[in-house]
Amino acid sequence: VGKIATTHEKLMVVLKDGPVAEFSGTVSRGAEKKLITNASTGAKRPIMEKDLYDAGSFNLKADHRYSINGEAAQYWSVGSLEETLPTIRQEIRVTNGIELVTTTMDMRPIRVLDTTNPGVASLLEAAGVPSLTSQTYEYTQALGNAARASGYDGILFQSAKSGGIKNVVVFK
């Protein structure tokens, strides 16, 4: 925990007046078609496309790469559904034959930390953040927390599952 806390402090300094990029474009998202539970009522119902636009509707109680349990965030793959569906399937860990609910939209411009920019990647490395594609989330979650606290709308990053696809996480 000590290394991560120190890294978070360094990230807050780096991101305070740090590099801001604008992102907009076509993004796609998917989820396994299954029952979800309403957090308020406890009622169960099938997941629907509209749920994919609500950051907290069905994934608020899970740890993700750039967000922790209880933090609302939406994860999108950059590109059309046709381009990103294989990566979406890998990232949500579903196999062929499992039915998905999917959607695509044109995202309005948002302020992001672009970790695909080599200059930004160097700043993060200097702050003590190791690989952003590792399977452990402590450092990436510290980065997400620092970016959120520094006023970024999200983070643009390389997919950990597919080197050719970029993803964007949008904080809510």
N, C-alpha and C. Protein backbone atom coordinates (compact mmCIF):
# COMPACT_ATOMS: atom_id res chain seq x y z
N VAL A 1 0.83 -1.20 0.00
CA VAL A 1 0.00 0.00 0.00
C VAL A 1 0.87 1.26 0.00
N GLY A 2 2.04 1.23 0.65
CA GLY A 2 2.92 2.39 0.71
C GLY A 2 3.38 2.86 -0.66
N LYS A 3 3.80 1.92 -1.53
CA LYS A 3 4.23 2.29 -2.88
C LYS A 3 3.10 2.91 -3.67
N ILE A 4 1.91 2.35 -3.54
CA ILE A 4 0.77 2.86 -4.30
C ILE A 4 0.36 4.24 -3.80
N ALA A 5 0.39 4.45 -2.49
CA ALA A 5 0.06 5.77 -1.93
C ALA A 5 1.07 6.81 -2.42
N THR A 6 2.35 6.46 -2.43
CA THR A 6 3.38 7.37 -2.92
C THR A 6 3.16 7.65 -4.41
N THR A 7 2.85 6.62 -5.18
CA THR A 7 2.58 6.78 -6.60
C THR A 7 1.38 7.71 -6.80
N HIS A 8 0.32 7.53 -6.00
CA HIS A 8 -0.86 8.39 -6.11
C HIS A 8 -0.48 9.85 -5.85
N GLU A 9 0.34 10.09 -4.84
CA GLU A 9 0.78 11.46 -4.54
C GLU A 9 1.56 12.04 -5.71
N LYS A 10 2.47 11.28 -6.30
CA LYS A 10 3.24 11.74 -7.45
C LYS A 10 2.31 12.03 -8.63
N LEU A 11 1.33 11.16 -8.83
CA LEU A 11 0.38 11.35 -9.93
C LEU A 11 -0.42 12.63 -9.76
N MET A 12 -0.80 12.94 -8.53
CA MET A 12 -1.57 14.17 -8.28
C MET A 12 -0.74 15.40 -8.67
N VAL A 13 0.56 15.35 -8.43
CA VAL A 13 1.44 16.46 -8.82
C VAL A 13 1.55 16.53 -10.35
N VAL A 14 1.79 15.39 -10.98
CA VAL A 14 1.95 15.34 -12.44
C VAL A 14 0.67 15.79 -13.14
N LEU A 15 -0.49 15.39 -12.62
CA LEU A 15 -1.75 15.67 -13.30
C LEU A 15 -2.36 17.03 -12.94
N LYS A 16 -1.85 17.67 -11.90
CA LYS A 16 -2.43 18.94 -11.44
C LYS A 16 -2.57 19.92 -12.59
N ASP A 17 -1.52 20.19 -13.29
CA ASP A 17 -1.54 21.07 -14.46
C ASP A 17 -1.11 20.27 -15.69
N GLY A 18 -1.45 19.02 -15.66
CA GLY A 18 -0.90 18.08 -16.62
C GLY A 18 -1.49 18.09 -18.00
N PRO A 19 -1.09 17.10 -18.76
CA PRO A 19 -1.45 17.02 -20.17
C PRO A 19 -2.93 16.64 -20.35
N VAL A 20 -3.66 17.50 -21.03
CA VAL A 20 -5.07 17.24 -21.30
C VAL A 20 -5.24 17.11 -22.81
N ALA A 21 -5.93 16.07 -23.22
CA ALA A 21 -6.25 15.88 -24.63
C ALA A 21 -7.77 15.87 -24.77
N GLU A 22 -8.23 16.14 -25.96
CA GLU A 22 -9.67 16.05 -26.22
C GLU A 22 -9.92 14.78 -27.01
N PHE A 23 -10.95 14.06 -26.61
CA PHE A 23 -11.32 12.85 -27.34
C PHE A 23 -12.79 12.95 -27.74
N SER A 24 -13.07 12.57 -28.98
CA SER A 24 -14.44 12.38 -29.45
C SER A 24 -14.37 11.36 -30.57
N GLY A 25 -15.47 10.70 -30.83
CA GLY A 25 -15.48 9.72 -31.91
C GLY A 25 -16.45 8.59 -31.65
N THR A 26 -16.45 7.65 -32.54
CA THR A 26 -17.33 6.49 -32.45
C THR A 26 -16.78 5.52 -31.41
N VAL A 27 -17.65 5.10 -30.50
CA VAL A 27 -17.27 4.13 -29.47
C VAL A 27 -18.33 3.05 -29.40
N SER A 28 -17.92 1.87 -28.93
CA SER A 28 -18.83 0.73 -28.82
C SER A 28 -18.67 0.09 -27.45
N ARG A 29 -19.72 -0.55 -27.02
CA ARG A 29 -19.72 -1.19 -25.70
C ARG A 29 -20.61 -2.42 -25.74
N GLY A 30 -20.31 -3.39 -24.89
CA GLY A 30 -21.13 -4.59 -24.82
C GLY A 30 -21.14 -5.15 -23.42
N ALA A 31 -22.13 -5.99 -23.18
CA ALA A 31 -22.24 -6.69 -21.90
C ALA A 31 -22.95 -8.01 -22.16
N GLU A 32 -22.64 -8.98 -21.34
CA GLU A 32 -23.31 -10.27 -21.44
C GLU A 32 -24.79 -10.07 -21.14
N LYS A 33 -25.64 -10.69 -21.96
CA LYS A 33 -27.08 -10.59 -21.75
C LYS A 33 -27.44 -11.50 -20.58
N LYS A 34 -27.73 -10.87 -19.44
CA LYS A 34 -28.05 -11.62 -18.23
C LYS A 34 -28.98 -10.79 -17.36
N LEU A 35 -29.39 -11.35 -16.24
CA LEU A 35 -30.23 -10.61 -15.32
C LEU A 35 -29.37 -9.67 -14.48
N ILE A 36 -29.88 -8.47 -14.26
CA ILE A 36 -29.21 -7.52 -13.38
C ILE A 36 -30.17 -7.16 -12.26
N THR A 37 -29.61 -6.70 -11.15
CA THR A 37 -30.40 -6.37 -9.97
C THR A 37 -30.47 -4.86 -9.80
N ASN A 38 -31.67 -4.34 -9.62
CA ASN A 38 -31.85 -2.92 -9.33
C ASN A 38 -31.32 -2.66 -7.93
N ALA A 39 -30.38 -1.72 -7.81
CA ALA A 39 -29.74 -1.44 -6.52
C ALA A 39 -30.73 -0.92 -5.49
N SER A 40 -31.77 -0.22 -5.92
CA SER A 40 -32.74 0.37 -4.98
C SER A 40 -33.78 -0.63 -4.51
N THR A 41 -34.31 -1.41 -5.46
CA THR A 41 -35.44 -2.28 -5.14
C THR A 41 -35.07 -3.74 -4.96
N GLY A 42 -33.93 -4.14 -5.51
CA GLY A 42 -33.55 -5.55 -5.46
C GLY A 42 -34.20 -6.38 -6.55
N ALA A 43 -35.05 -5.75 -7.38
CA ALA A 43 -35.74 -6.47 -8.45
C ALA A 43 -34.74 -6.86 -9.54
N LYS A 44 -34.97 -8.03 -10.15
CA LYS A 44 -34.11 -8.50 -11.23
C LYS A 44 -34.84 -8.34 -12.56
N ARG A 45 -34.05 -8.00 -13.59
CA ARG A 45 -34.58 -7.90 -14.95
C ARG A 45 -33.44 -8.11 -15.93
N PRO A 46 -33.77 -8.44 -17.18
CA PRO A 46 -32.71 -8.62 -18.18
C PRO A 46 -32.01 -7.29 -18.49
N ILE A 47 -30.72 -7.35 -18.71
CA ILE A 47 -29.99 -6.16 -19.11
C ILE A 47 -30.46 -5.72 -20.49
N MET A 48 -30.55 -4.42 -20.70
CA MET A 48 -31.00 -3.87 -21.97
C MET A 48 -29.96 -2.89 -22.50
N GLU A 49 -30.08 -2.54 -23.77
CA GLU A 49 -29.13 -1.62 -24.38
C GLU A 49 -29.04 -0.31 -23.60
N LYS A 50 -30.16 0.21 -23.13
CA LYS A 50 -30.14 1.49 -22.40
C LYS A 50 -29.25 1.42 -21.16
N ASP A 51 -29.10 0.24 -20.56
CA ASP A 51 -28.25 0.08 -19.38
C ASP A 51 -26.78 0.34 -19.70
N LEU A 52 -26.39 0.15 -20.95
CA LEU A 52 -25.00 0.35 -21.33
C LEU A 52 -24.59 1.82 -21.27
N TYR A 53 -25.57 2.72 -21.24
CA TYR A 53 -25.28 4.16 -21.15
C TYR A 53 -25.26 4.65 -19.71
N ASP A 54 -25.63 3.80 -18.77
CA ASP A 54 -25.70 4.18 -17.36
C ASP A 54 -24.50 3.56 -16.64
N ALA A 55 -23.58 4.41 -16.23
CA ALA A 55 -22.33 3.93 -15.65
C ALA A 55 -22.51 3.09 -14.40
N GLY A 56 -23.57 3.30 -13.65
CA GLY A 56 -23.71 2.59 -12.39
C GLY A 56 -24.80 1.54 -12.37
N SER A 57 -25.43 1.29 -13.51
CA SER A 57 -26.60 0.42 -13.48
C SER A 57 -26.28 -1.03 -13.14
N PHE A 58 -25.14 -1.55 -13.60
CA PHE A 58 -24.88 -2.96 -13.34
C PHE A 58 -23.43 -3.28 -13.02
N ASN A 59 -22.54 -2.31 -13.02
CA ASN A 59 -21.14 -2.64 -12.74
C ASN A 59 -20.54 -1.80 -11.63
N LEU A 60 -21.35 -1.16 -10.83
CA LEU A 60 -20.86 -0.27 -9.79
C LEU A 60 -20.16 -1.04 -8.68
N LYS A 61 -20.49 -2.29 -8.49
CA LYS A 61 -19.92 -3.07 -7.39
C LYS A 61 -18.76 -3.95 -7.82
N ALA A 62 -18.05 -3.49 -8.84
CA ALA A 62 -16.92 -4.29 -9.33
C ALA A 62 -15.68 -3.41 -9.44
N ASP A 63 -14.54 -4.04 -9.26
CA ASP A 63 -13.27 -3.36 -9.51
C ASP A 63 -12.97 -3.47 -10.99
N HIS A 64 -12.53 -2.36 -11.56
CA HIS A 64 -12.14 -2.34 -12.97
C HIS A 64 -10.77 -1.72 -13.07
N ARG A 65 -10.22 -1.69 -14.28
CA ARG A 65 -8.85 -1.23 -14.47
C ARG A 65 -8.62 0.18 -13.93
N TYR A 66 -9.52 1.12 -14.20
CA TYR A 66 -9.31 2.51 -13.77
C TYR A 66 -10.34 2.99 -12.77
N SER A 67 -11.16 2.13 -12.25
CA SER A 67 -12.17 2.52 -11.26
C SER A 67 -12.34 1.40 -10.24
N ILE A 68 -12.61 1.80 -9.01
CA ILE A 68 -12.76 0.82 -7.93
C ILE A 68 -14.22 0.61 -7.60
N ASN A 69 -14.48 -0.38 -6.80
CA ASN A 69 -15.83 -0.69 -6.32
C ASN A 69 -16.48 0.57 -5.79
N GLY A 70 -17.65 0.91 -6.30
CA GLY A 70 -18.40 2.07 -5.85
C GLY A 70 -18.20 3.32 -6.67
N GLU A 71 -17.25 3.32 -7.61
CA GLU A 71 -17.03 4.46 -8.49
C GLU A 71 -17.66 4.19 -9.85
N ALA A 72 -18.58 5.04 -10.24
CA ALA A 72 -19.23 4.87 -11.53
C ALA A 72 -18.27 5.24 -12.66
N ALA A 73 -18.22 4.41 -13.67
CA ALA A 73 -17.39 4.66 -14.85
C ALA A 73 -17.94 3.82 -16.00
N GLN A 74 -17.79 4.33 -17.20
CA GLN A 74 -18.18 3.60 -18.40
C GLN A 74 -16.94 3.29 -19.21
N TYR A 75 -16.81 2.04 -19.62
CA TYR A 75 -15.68 1.61 -20.43
C TYR A 75 -16.18 1.37 -21.85
N TRP A 76 -15.55 2.04 -22.82
CA TRP A 76 -15.94 1.95 -24.23
C TRP A 76 -14.71 1.57 -25.06
N SER A 77 -14.93 0.82 -26.13
CA SER A 77 -13.89 0.55 -27.12
C SER A 77 -14.04 1.58 -28.22
N VAL A 78 -12.92 2.10 -28.71
CA VAL A 78 -12.94 3.14 -29.73
C VAL A 78 -13.07 2.50 -31.10
N GLY A 79 -14.16 2.83 -31.79
CA GLY A 79 -14.41 2.29 -33.12
C GLY A 79 -15.82 1.74 -33.23
N SER A 80 -16.15 1.31 -34.42
CA SER A 80 -17.47 0.74 -34.67
C SER A 80 -17.58 -0.63 -34.00
N LEU A 81 -18.81 -1.11 -33.85
CA LEU A 81 -19.03 -2.42 -33.25
C LEU A 81 -18.36 -3.51 -34.09
N GLU A 82 -18.41 -3.37 -35.39
CA GLU A 82 -17.78 -4.34 -36.27
C GLU A 82 -16.28 -4.43 -36.00
N GLU A 83 -15.63 -3.27 -35.79
CA GLU A 83 -14.18 -3.23 -35.53
C GLU A 83 -13.82 -3.75 -34.15
N THR A 84 -14.68 -3.51 -33.17
CA THR A 84 -14.31 -3.75 -31.78
C THR A 84 -14.94 -4.98 -31.13
N LEU A 85 -15.90 -5.62 -31.78
CA LEU A 85 -16.60 -6.73 -31.13
C LEU A 85 -15.67 -7.85 -30.66
N PRO A 86 -14.67 -8.28 -31.43
CA PRO A 86 -13.77 -9.32 -30.89
C PRO A 86 -13.08 -8.88 -29.59
N THR A 87 -12.65 -7.63 -29.54
CA THR A 87 -11.99 -7.12 -28.33
C THR A 87 -12.99 -7.00 -27.18
N ILE A 88 -14.18 -6.52 -27.47
CA ILE A 88 -15.22 -6.42 -26.43
C ILE A 88 -15.46 -7.79 -25.81
N ARG A 89 -15.57 -8.81 -26.65
CA ARG A 89 -15.79 -10.17 -26.14
C ARG A 89 -14.63 -10.60 -25.23
N GLN A 90 -13.40 -10.30 -25.62
CA GLN A 90 -12.23 -10.65 -24.79
C GLN A 90 -12.26 -9.88 -23.48
N GLU A 91 -12.56 -8.61 -23.56
CA GLU A 91 -12.48 -7.77 -22.36
C GLU A 91 -13.56 -8.09 -21.33
N ILE A 92 -14.73 -8.50 -21.79
CA ILE A 92 -15.77 -8.86 -20.81
C ILE A 92 -15.81 -10.37 -20.58
N ARG A 93 -14.81 -11.04 -21.12
CA ARG A 93 -14.56 -12.46 -20.86
C ARG A 93 -15.76 -13.36 -21.20
N VAL A 94 -16.30 -13.16 -22.40
CA VAL A 94 -17.36 -14.05 -22.86
C VAL A 94 -16.87 -14.80 -24.08
N THR A 95 -17.36 -16.00 -24.24
CA THR A 95 -16.98 -16.82 -25.38
C THR A 95 -18.05 -16.73 -26.44
N ASN A 96 -17.70 -17.20 -27.64
CA ASN A 96 -18.70 -17.23 -28.71
C ASN A 96 -19.87 -18.09 -28.27
N GLY A 97 -21.06 -17.70 -28.67
CA GLY A 97 -22.26 -18.41 -28.27
C GLY A 97 -22.97 -17.73 -27.11
N ILE A 98 -22.26 -16.92 -26.34
CA ILE A 98 -22.89 -16.15 -25.26
C ILE A 98 -23.50 -14.90 -25.89
N GLU A 99 -24.77 -14.67 -25.61
CA GLU A 99 -25.45 -13.52 -26.21
C GLU A 99 -25.04 -12.23 -25.52
N LEU A 100 -24.80 -11.21 -26.35
CA LEU A 100 -24.39 -9.91 -25.83
C LEU A 100 -25.45 -8.86 -26.13
N VAL A 101 -25.49 -7.84 -25.28
CA VAL A 101 -26.22 -6.62 -25.55
C VAL A 101 -25.14 -5.62 -25.95
N THR A 102 -25.28 -4.96 -27.10
CA THR A 102 -24.25 -4.05 -27.57
C THR A 102 -24.85 -2.72 -27.99
N THR A 103 -24.00 -1.72 -28.06
CA THR A 103 -24.42 -0.41 -28.54
C THR A 103 -23.20 0.33 -29.08
N THR A 104 -23.46 1.28 -29.94
CA THR A 104 -22.44 2.16 -30.51
C THR A 104 -22.98 3.58 -30.47
N MET A 105 -22.10 4.53 -30.24
CA MET A 105 -22.54 5.94 -30.27
C MET A 105 -21.37 6.82 -30.68
N ASP A 106 -21.70 8.05 -31.05
CA ASP A 106 -20.68 9.07 -31.30
C ASP A 106 -20.53 9.85 -30.01
N MET A 107 -19.36 9.75 -29.39
CA MET A 107 -19.11 10.40 -28.11
C MET A 107 -18.79 11.87 -28.34
N ARG A 108 -19.40 12.71 -27.55
CA ARG A 108 -19.12 14.15 -27.60
C ARG A 108 -17.70 14.38 -27.10
N PRO A 109 -17.10 15.53 -27.42
CA PRO A 109 -15.73 15.79 -26.94
C PRO A 109 -15.65 15.79 -25.41
N ILE A 110 -14.66 15.09 -24.89
CA ILE A 110 -14.40 15.07 -23.45
C ILE A 110 -12.91 15.30 -23.21
N ARG A 111 -12.57 15.76 -22.02
CA ARG A 111 -11.18 15.99 -21.61
C ARG A 111 -10.62 14.68 -21.04
N VAL A 112 -9.57 14.17 -21.69
CA VAL A 112 -9.02 12.88 -21.25
C VAL A 112 -7.52 12.98 -20.99
N LEU A 113 -7.06 12.06 -20.18
CA LEU A 113 -5.64 11.78 -20.05
C LEU A 113 -5.34 10.72 -21.10
N ASP A 114 -4.56 11.06 -22.11
CA ASP A 114 -4.28 10.15 -23.22
C ASP A 114 -3.02 9.34 -22.93
N THR A 115 -3.19 8.18 -22.35
CA THR A 115 -2.03 7.35 -21.99
C THR A 115 -1.41 6.67 -23.21
N THR A 116 -2.03 6.81 -24.38
CA THR A 116 -1.44 6.27 -25.61
C THR A 116 -0.41 7.24 -26.19
N ASN A 117 -0.36 8.45 -25.66
CA ASN A 117 0.62 9.46 -26.07
C ASN A 117 1.95 9.12 -25.40
N PRO A 118 3.03 8.93 -26.17
CA PRO A 118 4.31 8.55 -25.57
C PRO A 118 4.81 9.53 -24.50
N GLY A 119 4.57 10.82 -24.67
CA GLY A 119 4.99 11.79 -23.67
C GLY A 119 4.27 11.60 -22.35
N VAL A 120 2.98 11.30 -22.42
CA VAL A 120 2.19 11.04 -21.20
C VAL A 120 2.67 9.74 -20.57
N ALA A 121 2.91 8.73 -21.38
CA ALA A 121 3.39 7.45 -20.86
C ALA A 121 4.71 7.63 -20.10
N SER A 122 5.59 8.49 -20.60
CA SER A 122 6.86 8.77 -19.91
C SER A 122 6.62 9.45 -18.57
N LEU A 123 5.69 10.40 -18.53
CA LEU A 123 5.36 11.07 -17.26
C LEU A 123 4.83 10.06 -16.24
N LEU A 124 3.98 9.16 -16.68
CA LEU A 124 3.40 8.16 -15.78
C LEU A 124 4.47 7.21 -15.27
N GLU A 125 5.36 6.80 -16.14
CA GLU A 125 6.45 5.92 -15.74
C GLU A 125 7.34 6.61 -14.70
N ALA A 126 7.62 7.89 -14.92
CA ALA A 126 8.44 8.65 -13.97
C ALA A 126 7.74 8.80 -12.61
N ALA A 127 6.41 8.78 -12.61
CA ALA A 127 5.64 8.89 -11.36
C ALA A 127 5.53 7.54 -10.66
N GLY A 128 6.04 6.47 -11.28
CA GLY A 128 6.04 5.17 -10.63
C GLY A 128 4.95 4.22 -11.08
N VAL A 129 4.27 4.54 -12.18
CA VAL A 129 3.22 3.65 -12.69
C VAL A 129 3.86 2.65 -13.65
N PRO A 130 3.82 1.35 -13.31
CA PRO A 130 4.37 0.34 -14.22
C PRO A 130 3.40 0.11 -15.39
N SER A 131 3.51 -0.96 -16.06
CA SER A 131 2.68 -1.28 -17.22
C SER A 131 1.19 -1.06 -16.95
N LEU A 132 0.54 -0.35 -17.88
CA LEU A 132 -0.91 -0.12 -17.75
C LEU A 132 -1.72 -1.32 -18.23
N THR A 133 -1.06 -2.31 -18.81
CA THR A 133 -1.79 -3.47 -19.31
C THR A 133 -1.60 -4.71 -18.45
N SER A 134 -1.00 -4.56 -17.28
CA SER A 134 -0.81 -5.73 -16.41
C SER A 134 -2.18 -6.18 -15.87
N GLN A 135 -2.21 -7.36 -15.33
CA GLN A 135 -3.47 -7.89 -14.81
C GLN A 135 -3.75 -7.46 -13.38
N THR A 136 -2.85 -6.71 -12.78
CA THR A 136 -3.12 -6.16 -11.45
C THR A 136 -3.54 -4.71 -11.62
N TYR A 137 -4.51 -4.28 -10.83
CA TYR A 137 -5.14 -2.99 -11.04
C TYR A 137 -4.73 -1.90 -10.04
N GLU A 138 -3.88 -2.19 -9.08
CA GLU A 138 -3.58 -1.20 -8.04
C GLU A 138 -3.09 0.12 -8.61
N TYR A 139 -2.12 0.06 -9.53
CA TYR A 139 -1.55 1.29 -10.08
C TYR A 139 -2.51 1.98 -11.05
N THR A 140 -3.20 1.20 -11.86
CA THR A 140 -4.14 1.82 -12.80
C THR A 140 -5.32 2.44 -12.06
N GLN A 141 -5.74 1.82 -10.97
CA GLN A 141 -6.81 2.42 -10.17
C GLN A 141 -6.33 3.70 -9.47
N ALA A 142 -5.07 3.73 -9.04
CA ALA A 142 -4.50 4.96 -8.47
C ALA A 142 -4.47 6.05 -9.54
N LEU A 143 -4.13 5.67 -10.77
CA LEU A 143 -4.13 6.63 -11.88
C LEU A 143 -5.55 7.13 -12.15
N GLY A 144 -6.53 6.23 -12.18
CA GLY A 144 -7.91 6.63 -12.38
C GLY A 144 -8.39 7.58 -11.31
N ASN A 145 -8.05 7.28 -10.06
CA ASN A 145 -8.44 8.13 -8.94
C ASN A 145 -7.81 9.51 -9.07
N ALA A 146 -6.52 9.56 -9.40
CA ALA A 146 -5.82 10.84 -9.55
C ALA A 146 -6.38 11.64 -10.73
N ALA A 147 -6.67 10.97 -11.84
CA ALA A 147 -7.22 11.65 -13.01
C ALA A 147 -8.61 12.23 -12.69
N ARG A 148 -9.43 11.44 -12.02
CA ARG A 148 -10.77 11.89 -11.63
C ARG A 148 -10.65 13.11 -10.70
N ALA A 149 -9.77 13.02 -9.70
CA ALA A 149 -9.58 14.11 -8.73
C ALA A 149 -8.99 15.36 -9.40
N SER A 150 -8.28 15.18 -10.50
CA SER A 150 -7.65 16.30 -11.20
C SER A 150 -8.56 16.93 -12.25
N GLY A 151 -9.78 16.44 -12.35
CA GLY A 151 -10.76 17.05 -13.25
C GLY A 151 -10.85 16.48 -14.64
N TYR A 152 -10.18 15.38 -14.91
CA TYR A 152 -10.31 14.75 -16.22
C TYR A 152 -11.69 14.09 -16.32
N ASP A 153 -12.24 14.07 -17.54
CA ASP A 153 -13.51 13.36 -17.79
C ASP A 153 -13.28 11.87 -17.97
N GLY A 154 -12.05 11.49 -18.32
CA GLY A 154 -11.76 10.09 -18.56
C GLY A 154 -10.32 9.85 -18.92
N ILE A 155 -10.04 8.61 -19.32
CA ILE A 155 -8.69 8.20 -19.71
C ILE A 155 -8.80 7.42 -21.02
N LEU A 156 -7.95 7.78 -21.98
CA LEU A 156 -7.83 7.03 -23.22
C LEU A 156 -6.65 6.09 -23.04
N PHE A 157 -6.83 4.81 -23.33
CA PHE A 157 -5.77 3.83 -23.09
C PHE A 157 -5.81 2.71 -24.09
N GLN A 158 -4.67 2.04 -24.24
CA GLN A 158 -4.55 0.88 -25.12
C GLN A 158 -5.24 -0.30 -24.47
N SER A 159 -6.00 -1.07 -25.23
CA SER A 159 -6.64 -2.26 -24.70
C SER A 159 -5.58 -3.24 -24.19
N ALA A 160 -5.83 -3.79 -23.02
CA ALA A 160 -4.92 -4.80 -22.47
C ALA A 160 -5.10 -6.14 -23.19
N LYS A 161 -6.23 -6.32 -23.86
CA LYS A 161 -6.53 -7.59 -24.51
C LYS A 161 -6.21 -7.58 -26.00
N SER A 162 -6.19 -6.40 -26.62
CA SER A 162 -5.97 -6.32 -28.05
C SER A 162 -5.12 -5.09 -28.35
N GLY A 163 -3.88 -5.30 -28.78
CA GLY A 163 -2.96 -4.20 -29.00
C GLY A 163 -3.41 -3.17 -30.02
N GLY A 164 -4.29 -3.53 -30.93
CA GLY A 164 -4.70 -2.59 -31.96
C GLY A 164 -5.89 -1.72 -31.59
N ILE A 165 -6.53 -1.98 -30.49
CA ILE A 165 -7.75 -1.25 -30.11
C ILE A 165 -7.46 -0.34 -28.93
N LYS A 166 -8.00 0.87 -29.01
CA LYS A 166 -7.94 1.79 -27.88
C LYS A 166 -9.28 1.76 -27.16
N ASN A 167 -9.24 2.02 -25.88
CA ASN A 167 -10.44 2.12 -25.06
C ASN A 167 -10.46 3.48 -24.40
N VAL A 168 -11.63 3.88 -23.96
CA VAL A 168 -11.77 5.10 -23.18
C VAL A 168 -12.68 4.79 -22.00
N VAL A 169 -12.25 5.21 -20.82
CA VAL A 169 -13.10 5.11 -19.64
C VAL A 169 -13.58 6.52 -19.35
N VAL A 170 -14.89 6.65 -19.13
CA VAL A 170 -15.50 7.94 -18.85
C VAL A 170 -15.97 7.92 -17.40
N PHE A 171 -15.50 8.89 -16.63
CA PHE A 171 -15.89 9.00 -15.23
C PHE A 171 -17.24 9.71 -15.16
N LYS A 172 -18.07 9.28 -14.23
CA LYS A 172 -19.39 9.93 -14.04
C LYS A 172 -19.45 10.56 -12.69
